[in-house]
């Protein structure tokens, strides 16, 4: 994932962590359901945004999620970190 496609609004890229045009993140259904990987990307991004509010209790879970998405979709993590 080098970034959102040209026709993908930049504001939407910041609002939603998982790319709806990436088949790894969304099922090819009319409702655009998240795949398990897409859901984990959304959770990880939400946690990064709300880390201060959540506190340390969720940190181990977020760490495990980050390990998994860095292994399965390192380009997504890199894109989100650059655009944070």
N, C-alpha and C. Protein backbone atom coordinates (compact mmCIF):
# COMPACT_ATOMS: atom_id res chain seq x y z
N UNK A 1 0.85 -1.16 0.00
CA UNK A 1 0.00 0.00 0.00
C UNK A 1 0.90 1.22 0.00
N UNK A 2 1.00 1.88 -1.11
CA UNK A 2 1.82 3.08 -1.23
C UNK A 2 1.06 4.30 -0.77
N UNK A 3 -0.18 4.17 -0.55
CA UNK A 3 -1.05 5.28 -0.19
C UNK A 3 -2.38 5.09 -0.87
N UNK A 4 -3.31 5.94 -0.58
CA UNK A 4 -4.62 5.78 -1.19
C UNK A 4 -4.56 6.07 -2.69
N UNK A 5 -5.45 5.46 -3.46
CA UNK A 5 -5.51 5.78 -4.88
C UNK A 5 -5.80 7.26 -5.09
N UNK A 6 -5.54 7.78 -6.25
CA UNK A 6 -5.72 9.21 -6.53
C UNK A 6 -7.14 9.68 -6.23
N UNK A 7 -8.11 8.84 -6.54
CA UNK A 7 -9.50 9.23 -6.36
C UNK A 7 -9.99 9.04 -4.94
N UNK A 8 -9.14 8.59 -4.05
CA UNK A 8 -9.50 8.34 -2.66
C UNK A 8 -9.27 9.61 -1.86
N UNK A 9 -10.30 10.23 -1.27
CA UNK A 9 -10.12 11.50 -0.56
C UNK A 9 -9.11 11.39 0.58
N UNK A 10 -8.20 12.32 0.67
CA UNK A 10 -7.18 12.30 1.71
C UNK A 10 -7.79 12.34 3.11
N UNK A 11 -8.88 13.05 3.30
CA UNK A 11 -9.50 13.12 4.61
C UNK A 11 -10.03 11.76 5.04
N UNK A 12 -10.50 10.99 4.08
CA UNK A 12 -11.00 9.66 4.38
C UNK A 12 -9.85 8.74 4.81
N UNK A 13 -8.68 8.93 4.19
CA UNK A 13 -7.52 8.11 4.54
C UNK A 13 -7.15 8.31 6.00
N UNK A 14 -7.34 9.52 6.52
CA UNK A 14 -7.00 9.78 7.92
C UNK A 14 -8.09 9.31 8.85
N UNK A 15 -9.32 9.24 8.36
CA UNK A 15 -10.43 8.84 9.21
C UNK A 15 -10.48 7.32 9.38
N UNK A 16 -10.18 6.60 8.32
CA UNK A 16 -10.26 5.15 8.35
C UNK A 16 -8.85 4.58 8.13
N UNK A 17 -8.45 3.70 9.02
CA UNK A 17 -7.10 3.17 8.93
C UNK A 17 -6.96 2.14 7.82
N UNK A 18 -7.91 1.24 7.69
CA UNK A 18 -7.75 0.20 6.67
C UNK A 18 -8.30 0.67 5.34
N UNK A 19 -7.54 0.47 4.32
CA UNK A 19 -7.84 0.95 2.97
C UNK A 19 -8.98 0.13 2.36
N UNK A 20 -10.10 0.75 2.03
CA UNK A 20 -11.21 -0.01 1.46
C UNK A 20 -10.91 -0.56 0.06
N UNK A 21 -9.84 -0.09 -0.57
CA UNK A 21 -9.47 -0.60 -1.89
C UNK A 21 -8.45 -1.73 -1.81
N UNK A 22 -8.00 -2.05 -0.62
CA UNK A 22 -7.02 -3.12 -0.43
C UNK A 22 -7.79 -4.40 -0.08
N UNK A 23 -7.75 -5.42 -0.92
CA UNK A 23 -8.52 -6.64 -0.66
C UNK A 23 -8.12 -7.35 0.63
N UNK A 24 -6.93 -7.05 1.16
CA UNK A 24 -6.55 -7.66 2.44
C UNK A 24 -7.36 -7.08 3.59
N UNK A 25 -7.88 -5.86 3.42
CA UNK A 25 -8.54 -5.15 4.50
C UNK A 25 -10.06 -5.28 4.47
N UNK A 26 -10.63 -5.46 3.29
CA UNK A 26 -12.09 -5.50 3.16
C UNK A 26 -12.53 -6.66 2.30
N UNK A 27 -13.60 -7.31 2.72
CA UNK A 27 -14.19 -8.38 1.92
C UNK A 27 -14.85 -7.76 0.69
N UNK A 28 -14.92 -8.51 -0.36
CA UNK A 28 -15.51 -8.01 -1.60
C UNK A 28 -17.03 -8.19 -1.55
N UNK A 29 -17.64 -7.51 -0.61
CA UNK A 29 -19.09 -7.58 -0.49
C UNK A 29 -19.66 -6.18 -0.63
N UNK A 30 -20.94 -6.12 -0.86
CA UNK A 30 -21.60 -4.82 -1.02
C UNK A 30 -21.50 -3.98 0.25
N UNK A 31 -21.46 -4.63 1.41
CA UNK A 31 -21.42 -3.89 2.67
C UNK A 31 -20.00 -3.50 3.07
N UNK A 32 -19.01 -3.96 2.31
CA UNK A 32 -17.61 -3.64 2.60
C UNK A 32 -17.21 -4.06 4.01
N UNK A 33 -17.54 -5.27 4.39
CA UNK A 33 -17.17 -5.77 5.71
C UNK A 33 -15.65 -5.85 5.83
N UNK A 34 -15.16 -5.59 7.04
CA UNK A 34 -13.72 -5.73 7.28
C UNK A 34 -13.34 -7.20 7.28
N UNK A 35 -12.16 -7.48 6.77
CA UNK A 35 -11.56 -8.79 6.97
C UNK A 35 -10.97 -8.77 8.38
N UNK A 36 -10.57 -9.92 8.93
CA UNK A 36 -9.94 -9.89 10.25
C UNK A 36 -8.72 -8.97 10.29
N UNK A 37 -7.90 -8.97 9.24
CA UNK A 37 -6.73 -8.10 9.20
C UNK A 37 -7.15 -6.63 9.18
N UNK A 38 -8.16 -6.30 8.39
CA UNK A 38 -8.65 -4.93 8.34
C UNK A 38 -9.16 -4.46 9.68
N UNK A 39 -9.85 -5.33 10.41
CA UNK A 39 -10.36 -4.99 11.73
C UNK A 39 -9.20 -4.73 12.69
N UNK A 40 -8.16 -5.55 12.62
CA UNK A 40 -7.01 -5.33 13.50
C UNK A 40 -6.30 -4.02 13.17
N UNK A 41 -6.21 -3.67 11.90
CA UNK A 41 -5.61 -2.39 11.52
C UNK A 41 -6.43 -1.25 12.10
N UNK A 42 -7.76 -1.34 12.01
CA UNK A 42 -8.63 -0.31 12.57
C UNK A 42 -8.45 -0.19 14.09
N UNK A 43 -8.39 -1.33 14.79
CA UNK A 43 -8.23 -1.32 16.25
C UNK A 43 -6.88 -0.71 16.62
N UNK A 44 -5.82 -1.12 15.92
CA UNK A 44 -4.49 -0.60 16.23
C UNK A 44 -4.43 0.90 16.01
N UNK A 45 -5.00 1.36 14.90
CA UNK A 45 -4.98 2.79 14.60
C UNK A 45 -5.81 3.57 15.63
N UNK A 46 -6.95 3.02 16.02
CA UNK A 46 -7.78 3.66 17.04
C UNK A 46 -6.98 3.79 18.35
N UNK A 47 -6.30 2.71 18.72
CA UNK A 47 -5.52 2.75 19.95
C UNK A 47 -4.41 3.80 19.87
N UNK A 48 -3.72 3.90 18.74
CA UNK A 48 -2.66 4.89 18.59
C UNK A 48 -3.21 6.30 18.76
N UNK A 49 -4.43 6.52 18.29
CA UNK A 49 -5.06 7.82 18.37
C UNK A 49 -5.55 8.14 19.78
N UNK A 50 -5.97 7.12 20.53
CA UNK A 50 -6.59 7.32 21.85
C UNK A 50 -5.78 6.71 23.00
N UNK A 51 -4.49 6.56 22.80
CA UNK A 51 -3.63 5.89 23.78
C UNK A 51 -3.71 6.53 25.17
N UNK A 52 -3.72 7.85 25.24
CA UNK A 52 -3.75 8.54 26.54
C UNK A 52 -5.06 8.30 27.27
N UNK A 53 -6.15 8.20 26.54
CA UNK A 53 -7.45 7.99 27.16
C UNK A 53 -7.64 6.56 27.64
N UNK A 54 -7.04 5.62 26.95
CA UNK A 54 -7.23 4.21 27.26
C UNK A 54 -6.42 3.78 28.47
N UNK A 55 -5.21 4.29 28.60
CA UNK A 55 -4.36 3.89 29.70
C UNK A 55 -3.55 2.65 29.36
N UNK A 56 -2.77 2.17 30.32
CA UNK A 56 -1.82 1.08 30.04
C UNK A 56 -2.44 -0.32 29.95
N UNK A 57 -3.66 -0.50 30.36
CA UNK A 57 -4.24 -1.85 30.40
C UNK A 57 -4.33 -2.50 29.02
N UNK A 58 -4.54 -1.71 27.98
CA UNK A 58 -4.71 -2.25 26.64
C UNK A 58 -3.37 -2.41 25.90
N UNK A 59 -2.30 -1.89 26.48
CA UNK A 59 -1.00 -1.89 25.80
C UNK A 59 -0.52 -3.28 25.37
N UNK A 60 -0.63 -4.33 26.21
CA UNK A 60 -0.18 -5.65 25.75
C UNK A 60 -0.98 -6.16 24.55
N UNK A 61 -2.27 -5.90 24.54
CA UNK A 61 -3.10 -6.33 23.41
C UNK A 61 -2.69 -5.56 22.16
N UNK A 62 -2.52 -4.26 22.30
CA UNK A 62 -2.12 -3.43 21.16
C UNK A 62 -0.75 -3.86 20.64
N UNK A 63 0.14 -4.25 21.54
CA UNK A 63 1.45 -4.73 21.12
C UNK A 63 1.35 -6.01 20.30
N UNK A 64 0.48 -6.91 20.71
CA UNK A 64 0.28 -8.15 19.96
C UNK A 64 -0.34 -7.87 18.59
N UNK A 65 -1.30 -6.95 18.56
CA UNK A 65 -1.93 -6.57 17.29
C UNK A 65 -0.90 -5.94 16.37
N UNK A 66 -0.06 -5.08 16.92
CA UNK A 66 0.96 -4.42 16.10
C UNK A 66 1.94 -5.44 15.53
N UNK A 67 2.35 -6.40 16.33
CA UNK A 67 3.26 -7.45 15.85
C UNK A 67 2.64 -8.19 14.67
N UNK A 68 1.36 -8.53 14.80
CA UNK A 68 0.69 -9.26 13.75
C UNK A 68 0.55 -8.43 12.47
N UNK A 69 0.10 -7.18 12.60
CA UNK A 69 -0.09 -6.40 11.37
C UNK A 69 1.24 -5.98 10.75
N UNK A 70 2.29 -5.83 11.56
CA UNK A 70 3.61 -5.56 10.98
C UNK A 70 4.10 -6.75 10.16
N UNK A 71 3.70 -7.95 10.56
CA UNK A 71 4.08 -9.16 9.81
C UNK A 71 3.21 -9.34 8.57
N UNK A 72 1.92 -9.07 8.68
CA UNK A 72 0.98 -9.34 7.59
C UNK A 72 0.79 -8.17 6.63
N UNK A 73 0.91 -6.94 7.14
CA UNK A 73 0.69 -5.76 6.29
C UNK A 73 1.62 -4.63 6.71
N UNK A 74 2.94 -4.84 6.58
CA UNK A 74 3.89 -3.81 7.02
C UNK A 74 3.71 -2.49 6.28
N UNK A 75 3.27 -2.56 5.04
CA UNK A 75 3.05 -1.33 4.28
C UNK A 75 1.92 -0.49 4.86
N UNK A 76 0.90 -1.13 5.40
CA UNK A 76 -0.21 -0.40 6.02
C UNK A 76 0.27 0.33 7.27
N UNK A 77 1.08 -0.33 8.09
CA UNK A 77 1.60 0.29 9.31
C UNK A 77 2.50 1.46 8.94
N UNK A 78 3.36 1.25 7.96
CA UNK A 78 4.27 2.32 7.52
C UNK A 78 3.47 3.54 7.03
N UNK A 79 2.44 3.30 6.24
CA UNK A 79 1.61 4.39 5.71
C UNK A 79 0.93 5.14 6.86
N UNK A 80 0.38 4.42 7.83
CA UNK A 80 -0.32 5.05 8.94
C UNK A 80 0.64 5.84 9.83
N UNK A 81 1.84 5.31 10.06
CA UNK A 81 2.81 6.02 10.88
C UNK A 81 3.30 7.29 10.20
N UNK A 82 3.47 7.25 8.89
CA UNK A 82 3.90 8.44 8.16
C UNK A 82 2.83 9.52 8.14
N UNK A 83 1.57 9.12 8.14
CA UNK A 83 0.46 10.06 8.03
C UNK A 83 -0.24 10.32 9.35
N UNK A 84 0.40 9.99 10.44
CA UNK A 84 -0.23 10.19 11.76
C UNK A 84 -0.22 11.66 12.13
